[in-house]
């Protein structure tokens, strides 16, 4: 699946600086929040909010017609919930990296996917869960063969692909805009990989950078 993930050219027309570092992890062992993942959350909650990076995402939302004060980019919503909520060990891991680097990260159950993940502009006819509503034409969405997996770029994901304590195989989408450098994006990916490997030493982890022209 890693090699099949793609970003439509219409996304780069909106933001040529967009890049996503995709990480897949097979053989995860997840569980409820423990002292280790609680410490990751506490450390991330102590980091100063990086406003400039969050503002870049608000600008990206406005570019496709969303109102970021109503449907906030995921990292903006997270930083407004400090101290970070406890979910489960794997979610705690990626939420801590997200806040530390002011980097939107989506974590989803790979076994719930049908076909590859792709980032596109919606037609407005995509299947979506009732709680999220139908995407508007031109809205930026992540989707698979069944329909929407995350609305408004990284605002909210569907319940179908949510990471749970039973998740064994997962995909993580680390989404970058300037002023974050590609070097910092790679660093964030390495840090997340380290945390996942600490939780699941036998997990098989692979990464791929997707950006314009690559």
N, C-alpha and C. Protein backbone atom coordinates (compact mmCIF):
# COMPACT_ATOMS: atom_id res chain seq x y z
N UNK A 1 0.82 -1.21 0.00
CA UNK A 1 0.00 0.00 0.00
C UNK A 1 0.85 1.26 0.00
N UNK A 2 2.00 1.21 0.63
CA UNK A 2 2.84 2.41 0.78
C UNK A 2 3.14 3.05 -0.57
N UNK A 3 3.47 2.23 -1.57
CA UNK A 3 3.84 2.77 -2.88
C UNK A 3 2.63 3.26 -3.68
N UNK A 4 1.43 2.89 -3.26
CA UNK A 4 0.23 3.26 -4.02
C UNK A 4 -0.41 4.57 -3.56
N UNK A 5 0.04 5.10 -2.44
CA UNK A 5 -0.54 6.34 -1.91
C UNK A 5 -0.17 7.50 -2.83
N UNK A 6 -1.14 8.40 -3.07
CA UNK A 6 -0.84 9.51 -3.97
C UNK A 6 -1.60 10.77 -3.58
N UNK A 7 -1.06 11.88 -4.06
CA UNK A 7 -1.64 13.21 -3.83
C UNK A 7 -1.97 13.80 -5.19
N UNK A 8 -3.22 14.24 -5.37
CA UNK A 8 -3.65 14.79 -6.65
C UNK A 8 -2.95 16.12 -6.93
N UNK A 9 -2.73 16.38 -8.23
CA UNK A 9 -2.07 17.64 -8.62
C UNK A 9 -2.84 18.86 -8.15
N UNK A 10 -4.16 18.74 -8.01
CA UNK A 10 -4.97 19.88 -7.56
C UNK A 10 -4.58 20.34 -6.16
N UNK A 11 -4.04 19.44 -5.35
CA UNK A 11 -3.57 19.82 -4.02
C UNK A 11 -2.33 20.70 -4.12
N UNK A 12 -1.43 20.34 -5.02
CA UNK A 12 -0.21 21.13 -5.18
C UNK A 12 -0.51 22.49 -5.83
N UNK A 13 -1.61 22.58 -6.56
CA UNK A 13 -2.01 23.88 -7.08
C UNK A 13 -2.42 24.81 -5.93
N UNK A 14 -3.02 24.23 -4.90
CA UNK A 14 -3.36 25.01 -3.71
C UNK A 14 -2.12 25.36 -2.90
N UNK A 15 -1.29 24.34 -2.65
CA UNK A 15 -0.11 24.50 -1.79
C UNK A 15 1.04 23.69 -2.39
N UNK A 16 1.87 24.34 -3.22
CA UNK A 16 3.01 23.63 -3.81
C UNK A 16 3.99 23.11 -2.77
N UNK A 17 3.95 23.69 -1.57
CA UNK A 17 4.88 23.30 -0.51
C UNK A 17 4.40 22.08 0.27
N UNK A 18 3.23 21.54 -0.07
CA UNK A 18 2.71 20.41 0.69
C UNK A 18 3.57 19.16 0.48
N UNK A 19 3.79 18.46 1.57
CA UNK A 19 4.44 17.14 1.52
C UNK A 19 3.85 16.30 2.63
N UNK A 20 3.79 15.00 2.42
CA UNK A 20 3.32 14.10 3.45
C UNK A 20 4.30 12.95 3.60
N UNK A 21 4.72 12.72 4.83
CA UNK A 21 5.55 11.57 5.14
C UNK A 21 4.63 10.46 5.61
N UNK A 22 4.60 9.38 4.86
CA UNK A 22 3.71 8.26 5.16
C UNK A 22 4.51 7.19 5.90
N UNK A 23 3.97 6.73 7.01
CA UNK A 23 4.61 5.66 7.78
C UNK A 23 3.60 4.53 7.93
N UNK A 24 4.00 3.32 7.59
CA UNK A 24 3.17 2.16 7.86
C UNK A 24 3.85 1.31 8.93
N UNK A 25 3.03 0.74 9.80
CA UNK A 25 3.55 -0.11 10.87
C UNK A 25 2.70 -1.36 10.94
N UNK A 26 3.33 -2.49 10.73
CA UNK A 26 2.66 -3.79 10.79
C UNK A 26 3.13 -4.55 12.03
N UNK A 27 2.18 -5.13 12.75
CA UNK A 27 2.52 -5.89 13.93
C UNK A 27 2.59 -5.05 15.19
N UNK A 28 1.77 -4.00 15.26
CA UNK A 28 1.74 -3.17 16.46
C UNK A 28 1.09 -3.91 17.63
N UNK A 29 1.54 -3.57 18.82
CA UNK A 29 0.89 -4.01 20.05
C UNK A 29 0.45 -2.74 20.77
N UNK A 30 -0.85 -2.50 20.78
CA UNK A 30 -1.39 -1.29 21.38
C UNK A 30 -2.00 -1.63 22.74
N UNK A 31 -2.37 -0.61 23.47
CA UNK A 31 -3.00 -0.82 24.76
C UNK A 31 -3.42 0.51 25.35
N UNK A 32 -4.05 0.49 26.52
CA UNK A 32 -4.49 1.74 27.14
C UNK A 32 -3.29 2.60 27.56
N UNK A 33 -3.53 3.88 27.69
CA UNK A 33 -2.50 4.80 28.15
C UNK A 33 -1.84 4.27 29.42
N UNK A 34 -0.50 4.32 29.45
CA UNK A 34 0.24 3.90 30.64
C UNK A 34 1.20 5.02 31.05
N UNK A 35 2.03 4.76 32.04
CA UNK A 35 2.94 5.80 32.53
C UNK A 35 3.89 6.27 31.44
N UNK A 36 4.31 5.37 30.57
CA UNK A 36 5.24 5.74 29.50
C UNK A 36 4.58 6.70 28.51
N UNK A 37 3.42 6.33 27.99
CA UNK A 37 2.78 7.22 27.02
C UNK A 37 2.26 8.49 27.69
N UNK A 38 1.91 8.39 28.97
CA UNK A 38 1.49 9.58 29.72
C UNK A 38 2.64 10.58 29.82
N UNK A 39 3.85 10.09 29.96
CA UNK A 39 5.01 10.98 30.02
C UNK A 39 5.26 11.64 28.67
N UNK A 40 5.02 10.92 27.57
CA UNK A 40 5.17 11.52 26.24
C UNK A 40 4.20 12.69 26.09
N UNK A 41 2.98 12.50 26.53
CA UNK A 41 1.98 13.55 26.42
C UNK A 41 2.36 14.76 27.28
N UNK A 42 2.85 14.50 28.48
CA UNK A 42 3.24 15.60 29.37
C UNK A 42 4.39 16.40 28.78
N UNK A 43 5.37 15.71 28.23
CA UNK A 43 6.52 16.41 27.63
C UNK A 43 6.07 17.28 26.46
N UNK A 44 5.19 16.76 25.62
CA UNK A 44 4.72 17.52 24.47
C UNK A 44 3.87 18.71 24.91
N UNK A 45 3.09 18.53 25.96
CA UNK A 45 2.22 19.61 26.44
C UNK A 45 3.02 20.78 26.98
N UNK A 46 4.29 20.54 27.34
CA UNK A 46 5.13 21.60 27.90
C UNK A 46 5.83 22.42 26.82
N UNK A 47 5.73 21.98 25.55
CA UNK A 47 6.40 22.69 24.46
C UNK A 47 5.59 23.93 24.08
N UNK A 48 6.28 25.03 23.83
CA UNK A 48 5.60 26.27 23.44
C UNK A 48 4.86 26.07 22.11
N UNK A 49 3.68 26.63 22.01
CA UNK A 49 2.88 26.52 20.79
C UNK A 49 3.58 27.27 19.65
N UNK A 50 3.71 26.60 18.51
CA UNK A 50 4.41 27.17 17.36
C UNK A 50 3.37 27.78 16.40
N UNK A 51 3.02 29.01 16.71
CA UNK A 51 1.90 29.68 16.04
C UNK A 51 2.09 29.79 14.53
N UNK A 52 3.32 30.06 14.09
CA UNK A 52 3.54 30.30 12.66
C UNK A 52 3.17 29.08 11.83
N UNK A 53 3.50 27.89 12.32
CA UNK A 53 3.17 26.67 11.58
C UNK A 53 1.67 26.43 11.55
N UNK A 54 1.00 26.71 12.66
CA UNK A 54 -0.44 26.52 12.71
C UNK A 54 -1.14 27.51 11.79
N UNK A 55 -0.65 28.74 11.72
CA UNK A 55 -1.24 29.73 10.84
C UNK A 55 -1.14 29.31 9.37
N UNK A 56 -0.06 28.62 9.01
CA UNK A 56 0.08 28.14 7.64
C UNK A 56 -1.06 27.18 7.30
N UNK A 57 -1.46 26.35 8.25
CA UNK A 57 -2.57 25.43 8.01
C UNK A 57 -3.90 26.15 7.93
N UNK A 58 -4.06 27.18 8.73
CA UNK A 58 -5.30 27.97 8.63
C UNK A 58 -5.41 28.62 7.25
N UNK A 59 -4.28 29.11 6.74
CA UNK A 59 -4.29 29.69 5.39
C UNK A 59 -4.65 28.65 4.35
N UNK A 60 -4.14 27.44 4.51
CA UNK A 60 -4.45 26.36 3.57
C UNK A 60 -5.94 26.03 3.60
N UNK A 61 -6.54 26.03 4.77
CA UNK A 61 -7.97 25.78 4.88
C UNK A 61 -8.77 26.86 4.15
N UNK A 62 -8.39 28.10 4.36
CA UNK A 62 -9.10 29.20 3.69
C UNK A 62 -8.99 29.08 2.17
N UNK A 63 -7.89 28.52 1.68
CA UNK A 63 -7.66 28.42 0.24
C UNK A 63 -8.68 27.53 -0.44
N UNK A 64 -9.27 26.56 0.28
CA UNK A 64 -10.31 25.74 -0.35
C UNK A 64 -11.69 26.03 0.22
N UNK A 65 -11.82 27.16 0.92
CA UNK A 65 -13.13 27.62 1.33
C UNK A 65 -13.57 27.25 2.72
N UNK A 66 -12.71 26.58 3.50
CA UNK A 66 -13.07 26.22 4.88
C UNK A 66 -12.82 27.40 5.82
N UNK A 67 -13.52 27.40 6.94
CA UNK A 67 -13.34 28.42 7.96
C UNK A 67 -12.62 27.79 9.15
N UNK A 68 -11.30 28.05 9.29
CA UNK A 68 -10.53 27.34 10.31
C UNK A 68 -10.91 27.67 11.74
N UNK A 69 -11.67 28.74 11.95
CA UNK A 69 -12.13 29.02 13.30
C UNK A 69 -13.32 28.14 13.68
N UNK A 70 -13.94 27.51 12.67
CA UNK A 70 -15.08 26.62 12.92
C UNK A 70 -14.67 25.15 12.83
N UNK A 71 -13.92 24.79 11.81
CA UNK A 71 -13.39 23.43 11.67
C UNK A 71 -11.87 23.56 11.64
N UNK A 72 -11.26 23.33 12.76
CA UNK A 72 -9.84 23.65 12.94
C UNK A 72 -8.93 22.55 12.40
N UNK A 73 -7.78 22.93 11.83
CA UNK A 73 -6.76 21.93 11.51
C UNK A 73 -6.46 21.09 12.77
N UNK A 74 -6.16 19.83 12.58
CA UNK A 74 -6.04 18.92 13.72
C UNK A 74 -5.03 19.39 14.75
N UNK A 75 -3.90 19.91 14.30
CA UNK A 75 -2.88 20.32 15.26
C UNK A 75 -3.32 21.56 16.04
N UNK A 76 -4.11 22.43 15.42
CA UNK A 76 -4.65 23.58 16.13
C UNK A 76 -5.62 23.11 17.21
N UNK A 77 -6.47 22.16 16.86
CA UNK A 77 -7.42 21.63 17.84
C UNK A 77 -6.70 20.96 19.01
N UNK A 78 -5.64 20.23 18.70
CA UNK A 78 -4.88 19.55 19.76
C UNK A 78 -4.25 20.53 20.73
N UNK A 79 -3.62 21.57 20.19
CA UNK A 79 -2.93 22.52 21.06
C UNK A 79 -3.90 23.32 21.92
N UNK A 80 -5.16 23.34 21.55
CA UNK A 80 -6.16 24.00 22.35
C UNK A 80 -6.72 23.08 23.44
N UNK A 81 -6.27 21.83 23.45
CA UNK A 81 -6.76 20.87 24.43
C UNK A 81 -5.70 20.52 25.48
N UNK A 82 -4.63 21.30 25.52
CA UNK A 82 -3.56 21.00 26.46
C UNK A 82 -4.05 21.11 27.90
N UNK A 83 -3.61 20.20 28.81
CA UNK A 83 -2.74 19.06 28.54
C UNK A 83 -3.43 18.03 27.65
N UNK A 84 -2.62 17.32 26.88
CA UNK A 84 -3.16 16.41 25.88
C UNK A 84 -3.99 15.30 26.51
N UNK A 85 -5.09 14.94 25.86
CA UNK A 85 -5.93 13.86 26.39
C UNK A 85 -5.26 12.49 26.23
N UNK A 86 -5.62 11.58 27.11
CA UNK A 86 -5.12 10.21 27.04
C UNK A 86 -6.10 9.38 26.21
N UNK A 87 -5.61 8.73 25.16
CA UNK A 87 -6.47 7.93 24.28
C UNK A 87 -6.08 6.46 24.35
N UNK A 88 -4.97 6.11 23.76
CA UNK A 88 -4.33 4.81 23.89
C UNK A 88 -2.86 5.01 23.54
N UNK A 89 -2.05 3.99 23.72
CA UNK A 89 -0.61 4.18 23.61
C UNK A 89 -0.17 4.67 22.23
N UNK A 90 -0.70 4.09 21.18
CA UNK A 90 -0.29 4.48 19.82
C UNK A 90 -0.77 5.89 19.50
N UNK A 91 -2.01 6.20 19.84
CA UNK A 91 -2.52 7.55 19.60
C UNK A 91 -1.76 8.57 20.45
N UNK A 92 -1.47 8.21 21.69
CA UNK A 92 -0.66 9.10 22.54
C UNK A 92 0.69 9.38 21.89
N UNK A 93 1.28 8.36 21.28
CA UNK A 93 2.59 8.53 20.64
C UNK A 93 2.52 9.56 19.53
N UNK A 94 1.55 9.39 18.60
CA UNK A 94 1.55 10.33 17.47
C UNK A 94 1.00 11.70 17.85
N UNK A 95 0.11 11.77 18.84
CA UNK A 95 -0.34 13.09 19.30
C UNK A 95 0.80 13.88 19.94
N UNK A 96 1.66 13.19 20.65
CA UNK A 96 2.78 13.89 21.29
C UNK A 96 3.75 14.44 20.24
N UNK A 97 4.00 13.69 19.18
CA UNK A 97 4.87 14.18 18.12
C UNK A 97 4.19 15.31 17.35
N UNK A 98 2.89 15.21 17.15
CA UNK A 98 2.14 16.24 16.46
C UNK A 98 2.28 17.59 17.16
N UNK A 99 2.06 17.61 18.46
CA UNK A 99 2.13 18.87 19.20
C UNK A 99 3.57 19.35 19.33
N UNK A 100 4.49 18.45 19.54
CA UNK A 100 5.90 18.85 19.67
C UNK A 100 6.38 19.60 18.44
N UNK A 101 5.96 19.16 17.25
CA UNK A 101 6.44 19.76 16.00
C UNK A 101 5.39 20.65 15.31
N UNK A 102 4.23 20.86 15.94
CA UNK A 102 3.13 21.60 15.30
C UNK A 102 2.87 21.05 13.91
N UNK A 103 2.68 19.73 13.86
CA UNK A 103 2.59 18.98 12.62
C UNK A 103 1.33 18.13 12.63
N UNK A 104 0.38 18.36 11.72
CA UNK A 104 -0.79 17.49 11.67
C UNK A 104 -0.38 16.04 11.36
N UNK A 105 -0.87 15.12 12.16
CA UNK A 105 -0.60 13.70 11.95
C UNK A 105 -1.91 12.94 12.04
N UNK A 106 -2.20 12.14 11.03
CA UNK A 106 -3.34 11.25 11.07
C UNK A 106 -2.86 9.83 11.30
N UNK A 107 -3.50 9.13 12.22
CA UNK A 107 -3.17 7.74 12.46
C UNK A 107 -4.41 6.89 12.25
N UNK A 108 -4.32 5.87 11.41
CA UNK A 108 -5.51 5.11 11.04
C UNK A 108 -5.22 3.61 10.94
N UNK A 109 -6.27 2.84 11.13
CA UNK A 109 -6.16 1.38 11.07
C UNK A 109 -6.06 0.94 9.60
N UNK A 110 -4.93 0.40 9.25
CA UNK A 110 -4.67 0.03 7.86
C UNK A 110 -5.60 -1.08 7.39
N UNK A 111 -6.02 -1.95 8.30
CA UNK A 111 -6.88 -3.07 7.91
C UNK A 111 -8.30 -2.61 7.56
N UNK A 112 -8.65 -1.39 7.93
CA UNK A 112 -9.97 -0.86 7.62
C UNK A 112 -10.01 -0.20 6.24
N UNK A 113 -8.84 -0.03 5.63
CA UNK A 113 -8.78 0.60 4.31
C UNK A 113 -9.20 -0.36 3.21
N UNK A 114 -9.77 0.22 2.15
CA UNK A 114 -10.03 -0.51 0.92
C UNK A 114 -9.40 0.30 -0.21
N UNK A 115 -8.33 -0.21 -0.75
CA UNK A 115 -7.59 0.54 -1.75
C UNK A 115 -6.67 1.55 -1.07
N UNK A 116 -5.87 2.26 -1.86
CA UNK A 116 -4.87 3.15 -1.29
C UNK A 116 -5.46 4.46 -0.77
N UNK A 117 -4.77 5.05 0.17
CA UNK A 117 -5.10 6.41 0.62
C UNK A 117 -4.69 7.39 -0.46
N UNK A 118 -5.55 8.41 -0.69
CA UNK A 118 -5.16 9.47 -1.61
C UNK A 118 -5.80 10.79 -1.16
N UNK A 119 -5.07 11.86 -1.40
CA UNK A 119 -5.50 13.20 -1.04
C UNK A 119 -5.99 13.90 -2.29
N UNK A 120 -7.26 14.30 -2.29
CA UNK A 120 -7.88 14.85 -3.49
C UNK A 120 -8.79 16.01 -3.10
N UNK A 121 -9.30 16.71 -4.13
CA UNK A 121 -10.36 17.68 -3.91
C UNK A 121 -11.69 16.99 -4.21
N UNK A 122 -12.62 17.12 -3.32
CA UNK A 122 -13.86 16.35 -3.39
C UNK A 122 -14.75 16.80 -4.55
N UNK A 123 -15.52 15.86 -5.06
CA UNK A 123 -16.56 16.17 -6.04
C UNK A 123 -17.85 16.57 -5.33
N UNK A 124 -17.98 16.19 -4.06
CA UNK A 124 -19.21 16.41 -3.31
C UNK A 124 -20.13 15.21 -3.34
N UNK A 125 -19.70 14.14 -4.01
CA UNK A 125 -20.53 12.94 -4.11
C UNK A 125 -19.91 11.74 -3.38
N UNK A 126 -18.80 11.96 -2.67
CA UNK A 126 -18.12 10.87 -1.99
C UNK A 126 -18.95 10.36 -0.80
N UNK A 127 -18.91 9.05 -0.60
CA UNK A 127 -19.56 8.46 0.57
C UNK A 127 -18.83 8.92 1.83
N UNK A 128 -19.60 9.24 2.86
CA UNK A 128 -19.03 9.71 4.12
C UNK A 128 -19.91 9.27 5.26
N UNK A 129 -19.36 9.24 6.45
CA UNK A 129 -20.16 8.87 7.62
C UNK A 129 -21.09 10.01 8.02
N UNK A 130 -22.25 9.65 8.52
CA UNK A 130 -23.27 10.65 8.84
C UNK A 130 -22.75 11.71 9.81
N UNK A 131 -21.94 11.30 10.77
CA UNK A 131 -21.44 12.24 11.77
C UNK A 131 -20.57 13.33 11.17
N UNK A 132 -19.90 13.01 10.05
CA UNK A 132 -19.02 13.99 9.41
C UNK A 132 -19.72 14.79 8.33
N UNK A 133 -20.79 14.26 7.79
CA UNK A 133 -21.47 14.95 6.71
C UNK A 133 -20.77 14.74 5.38
N UNK A 134 -21.41 15.15 4.31
CA UNK A 134 -20.87 15.00 2.96
C UNK A 134 -19.90 16.13 2.65
N UNK A 135 -18.74 15.83 2.08
CA UNK A 135 -17.80 16.90 1.75
C UNK A 135 -18.37 17.84 0.69
N UNK A 136 -17.94 19.08 0.75
CA UNK A 136 -18.37 20.07 -0.22
C UNK A 136 -17.50 19.97 -1.46
N UNK A 137 -18.04 20.28 -2.65
CA UNK A 137 -17.21 20.26 -3.86
C UNK A 137 -15.99 21.17 -3.70
N UNK A 138 -14.83 20.62 -4.04
CA UNK A 138 -13.60 21.37 -3.92
C UNK A 138 -12.89 21.22 -2.59
N UNK A 139 -13.58 20.64 -1.60
CA UNK A 139 -12.97 20.43 -0.29
C UNK A 139 -11.81 19.44 -0.40
N UNK A 140 -10.76 19.64 0.36
CA UNK A 140 -9.63 18.72 0.39
C UNK A 140 -9.96 17.57 1.33
N UNK A 141 -9.87 16.35 0.82
CA UNK A 141 -10.19 15.17 1.63
C UNK A 141 -9.16 14.06 1.40
N UNK A 142 -8.94 13.28 2.42
CA UNK A 142 -8.31 11.97 2.27
C UNK A 142 -9.43 10.96 2.03
N UNK A 143 -9.19 9.99 1.15
CA UNK A 143 -10.20 8.99 0.86
C UNK A 143 -9.56 7.67 0.46
N UNK A 144 -10.38 6.62 0.43
CA UNK A 144 -9.98 5.34 -0.15
C UNK A 144 -11.10 4.90 -1.09
N UNK A 145 -11.14 3.62 -1.45
CA UNK A 145 -12.14 3.17 -2.41
C UNK A 145 -13.56 3.24 -1.86
N UNK A 146 -13.72 3.18 -0.55
CA UNK A 146 -15.05 3.22 0.05
C UNK A 146 -15.58 4.63 0.20
N UNK A 147 -14.70 5.61 0.29
CA UNK A 147 -15.15 6.99 0.47
C UNK A 147 -14.21 7.78 1.34
N UNK A 148 -14.74 8.79 1.99
CA UNK A 148 -13.95 9.72 2.80
C UNK A 148 -13.33 8.98 3.99
N UNK A 149 -12.05 9.25 4.24
CA UNK A 149 -11.40 8.79 5.47
C UNK A 149 -11.09 9.95 6.40
N UNK A 150 -10.93 11.16 5.84
CA UNK A 150 -10.72 12.35 6.67
C UNK A 150 -11.20 13.58 5.91
N UNK A 151 -12.06 14.37 6.52
CA UNK A 151 -12.59 15.58 5.88
C UNK A 151 -11.69 16.78 6.14
N UNK A 152 -11.80 17.75 5.22
CA UNK A 152 -11.12 19.05 5.35
C UNK A 152 -9.65 18.88 5.70
N UNK A 153 -8.98 18.13 4.83
CA UNK A 153 -7.54 17.88 4.89
C UNK A 153 -7.18 17.05 6.11
N UNK A 154 -7.27 17.61 7.29
CA UNK A 154 -6.93 16.85 8.50
C UNK A 154 -7.83 17.24 9.67
N UNK A 155 -9.03 17.73 9.36
CA UNK A 155 -9.93 18.18 10.43
C UNK A 155 -10.44 17.01 11.27
N UNK A 156 -11.06 16.03 10.62
CA UNK A 156 -11.66 14.93 11.39
C UNK A 156 -11.76 13.67 10.54
N UNK A 157 -11.33 12.56 11.12
CA UNK A 157 -11.35 11.29 10.39
C UNK A 157 -12.62 10.52 10.70
N UNK A 158 -12.91 9.54 9.85
CA UNK A 158 -14.09 8.71 10.06
C UNK A 158 -13.83 7.69 11.15
N UNK A 159 -14.91 7.21 11.76
CA UNK A 159 -14.78 6.19 12.81
C UNK A 159 -14.27 4.87 12.26
N UNK A 160 -14.58 4.61 10.98
CA UNK A 160 -14.21 3.33 10.36
C UNK A 160 -12.72 3.02 10.47
N UNK A 161 -11.87 4.03 10.33
CA UNK A 161 -10.42 3.80 10.30
C UNK A 161 -9.73 4.18 11.60
N UNK A 162 -10.49 4.45 12.63
CA UNK A 162 -9.91 4.90 13.89
C UNK A 162 -8.98 3.85 14.51
N UNK A 163 -7.88 4.32 15.11
CA UNK A 163 -6.97 3.43 15.81
C UNK A 163 -7.56 3.05 17.17
N UNK A 164 -7.59 1.76 17.45
CA UNK A 164 -8.10 1.27 18.72
C UNK A 164 -7.04 0.41 19.40
N UNK A 165 -7.34 -0.04 20.58
CA UNK A 165 -6.39 -0.91 21.29
C UNK A 165 -6.23 -2.25 20.59
N UNK A 166 -7.14 -2.58 19.68
CA UNK A 166 -7.05 -3.85 18.94
C UNK A 166 -6.30 -3.70 17.62
N UNK A 167 -5.94 -2.48 17.23
CA UNK A 167 -5.26 -2.25 15.96
C UNK A 167 -3.92 -2.96 15.91
N UNK A 168 -3.67 -3.67 14.83
CA UNK A 168 -2.40 -4.36 14.63
C UNK A 168 -1.55 -3.70 13.55
N UNK A 169 -2.20 -3.14 12.54
CA UNK A 169 -1.51 -2.55 11.40
C UNK A 169 -2.04 -1.13 11.20
N UNK A 170 -1.14 -0.18 11.07
CA UNK A 170 -1.56 1.22 11.03
C UNK A 170 -0.82 2.00 9.97
N UNK A 171 -1.44 3.10 9.57
CA UNK A 171 -0.81 4.06 8.66
C UNK A 171 -0.85 5.43 9.34
N UNK A 172 0.26 6.16 9.21
CA UNK A 172 0.37 7.49 9.79
C UNK A 172 0.71 8.46 8.68
N UNK A 173 0.01 9.60 8.66
CA UNK A 173 0.18 10.61 7.63
C UNK A 173 0.67 11.89 8.31
N UNK A 174 1.92 12.23 8.10
CA UNK A 174 2.54 13.41 8.69
C UNK A 174 2.57 14.49 7.62
N UNK A 175 1.75 15.54 7.79
CA UNK A 175 1.50 16.50 6.73
C UNK A 175 2.24 17.82 6.98
N UNK A 176 3.02 18.21 6.00
CA UNK A 176 3.89 19.38 6.14
C UNK A 176 3.55 20.50 5.18
N UNK A 177 3.58 21.72 5.71
CA UNK A 177 3.58 22.95 4.93
C UNK A 177 4.75 23.81 5.43
N UNK A 178 5.25 24.69 4.58
CA UNK A 178 6.21 25.68 5.07
C UNK A 178 5.50 26.56 6.09
N UNK A 179 6.18 27.01 7.17
CA UNK A 179 7.63 27.09 7.31
C UNK A 179 8.33 25.85 7.85
N UNK A 180 7.61 24.74 8.07
CA UNK A 180 8.32 23.53 8.48
C UNK A 180 9.20 23.07 7.34
N UNK A 181 10.43 22.72 7.65
CA UNK A 181 11.36 22.21 6.65
C UNK A 181 11.14 20.71 6.44
N UNK A 182 11.59 20.23 5.30
CA UNK A 182 11.52 18.79 5.05
C UNK A 182 12.41 18.03 6.02
N UNK A 183 13.49 18.68 6.45
CA UNK A 183 14.38 18.03 7.42
C UNK A 183 13.66 17.80 8.75
N UNK A 184 12.89 18.81 9.19
CA UNK A 184 12.15 18.63 10.44
C UNK A 184 11.06 17.58 10.28
N UNK A 185 10.43 17.54 9.11
CA UNK A 185 9.44 16.50 8.85
C UNK A 185 10.05 15.12 8.99
N UNK A 186 11.22 14.93 8.42
CA UNK A 186 11.90 13.63 8.53
C UNK A 186 12.26 13.34 9.99
N UNK A 187 12.70 14.36 10.72
CA UNK A 187 13.03 14.19 12.14
C UNK A 187 11.80 13.75 12.93
N UNK A 188 10.67 14.40 12.67
CA UNK A 188 9.44 14.02 13.35
C UNK A 188 9.07 12.57 13.04
N UNK A 189 9.25 12.17 11.78
CA UNK A 189 8.98 10.79 11.41
C UNK A 189 9.88 9.81 12.14
N UNK A 190 11.14 10.16 12.27
CA UNK A 190 12.08 9.30 12.99
C UNK A 190 11.70 9.19 14.47
N UNK A 191 11.26 10.30 15.04
CA UNK A 191 10.86 10.29 16.45
C UNK A 191 9.62 9.43 16.66
N UNK A 192 8.65 9.54 15.75
CA UNK A 192 7.46 8.69 15.86
C UNK A 192 7.83 7.23 15.69
N UNK A 193 8.69 6.93 14.74
CA UNK A 193 9.14 5.55 14.53
C UNK A 193 9.78 4.99 15.80
N UNK A 194 10.57 5.81 16.48
CA UNK A 194 11.21 5.37 17.72
C UNK A 194 10.18 5.02 18.79
N UNK A 195 9.15 5.86 18.92
CA UNK A 195 8.13 5.59 19.92
C UNK A 195 7.34 4.33 19.57
N UNK A 196 7.00 4.17 18.31
CA UNK A 196 6.27 2.96 17.90
C UNK A 196 7.12 1.71 18.12
N UNK A 197 8.41 1.82 17.85
CA UNK A 197 9.31 0.67 18.05
C UNK A 197 9.47 0.36 19.54
N UNK A 198 9.40 1.40 20.36
CA UNK A 198 9.47 1.18 21.81
C UNK A 198 8.23 0.43 22.29
N UNK A 199 7.08 0.79 21.73
CA UNK A 199 5.84 0.10 22.10
C UNK A 199 5.80 -1.31 21.54
N UNK A 200 6.31 -1.48 20.32
CA UNK A 200 6.19 -2.75 19.59
C UNK A 200 7.53 -3.06 18.92
N UNK A 201 8.49 -3.64 19.67
CA UNK A 201 9.83 -3.88 19.13
C UNK A 201 9.85 -4.74 17.87
N UNK A 202 8.84 -5.58 17.68
CA UNK A 202 8.83 -6.49 16.52
C UNK A 202 8.05 -5.93 15.33
N UNK A 203 7.52 -4.72 15.47
CA UNK A 203 6.74 -4.15 14.38
C UNK A 203 7.61 -3.87 13.17
N UNK A 204 7.05 -4.06 11.99
CA UNK A 204 7.73 -3.75 10.73
C UNK A 204 7.27 -2.37 10.27
N UNK A 205 8.21 -1.43 10.21
CA UNK A 205 7.89 -0.04 9.94
C UNK A 205 8.57 0.41 8.66
N UNK A 206 7.80 1.09 7.80
CA UNK A 206 8.34 1.59 6.53
C UNK A 206 7.86 3.02 6.34
N UNK A 207 8.64 3.82 5.60
CA UNK A 207 8.27 5.21 5.37
C UNK A 207 8.43 5.58 3.90
N UNK A 208 7.68 6.61 3.51
CA UNK A 208 7.79 7.15 2.16
C UNK A 208 7.39 8.63 2.17
N UNK A 209 8.21 9.47 1.56
CA UNK A 209 7.90 10.88 1.44
C UNK A 209 7.19 11.12 0.11
N UNK A 210 6.03 11.78 0.16
CA UNK A 210 5.27 12.12 -1.04
C UNK A 210 5.23 13.65 -1.13
N UNK A 211 5.76 14.19 -2.21
CA UNK A 211 5.75 15.64 -2.42
C UNK A 211 5.67 15.93 -3.91
N UNK A 212 5.53 17.18 -4.27
CA UNK A 212 5.37 17.54 -5.67
C UNK A 212 6.57 17.06 -6.48
N UNK A 213 6.28 16.34 -7.56
CA UNK A 213 7.33 15.84 -8.41
C UNK A 213 7.96 14.55 -7.96
N UNK A 214 7.45 13.99 -6.82
CA UNK A 214 8.02 12.73 -6.33
C UNK A 214 6.92 11.71 -6.10
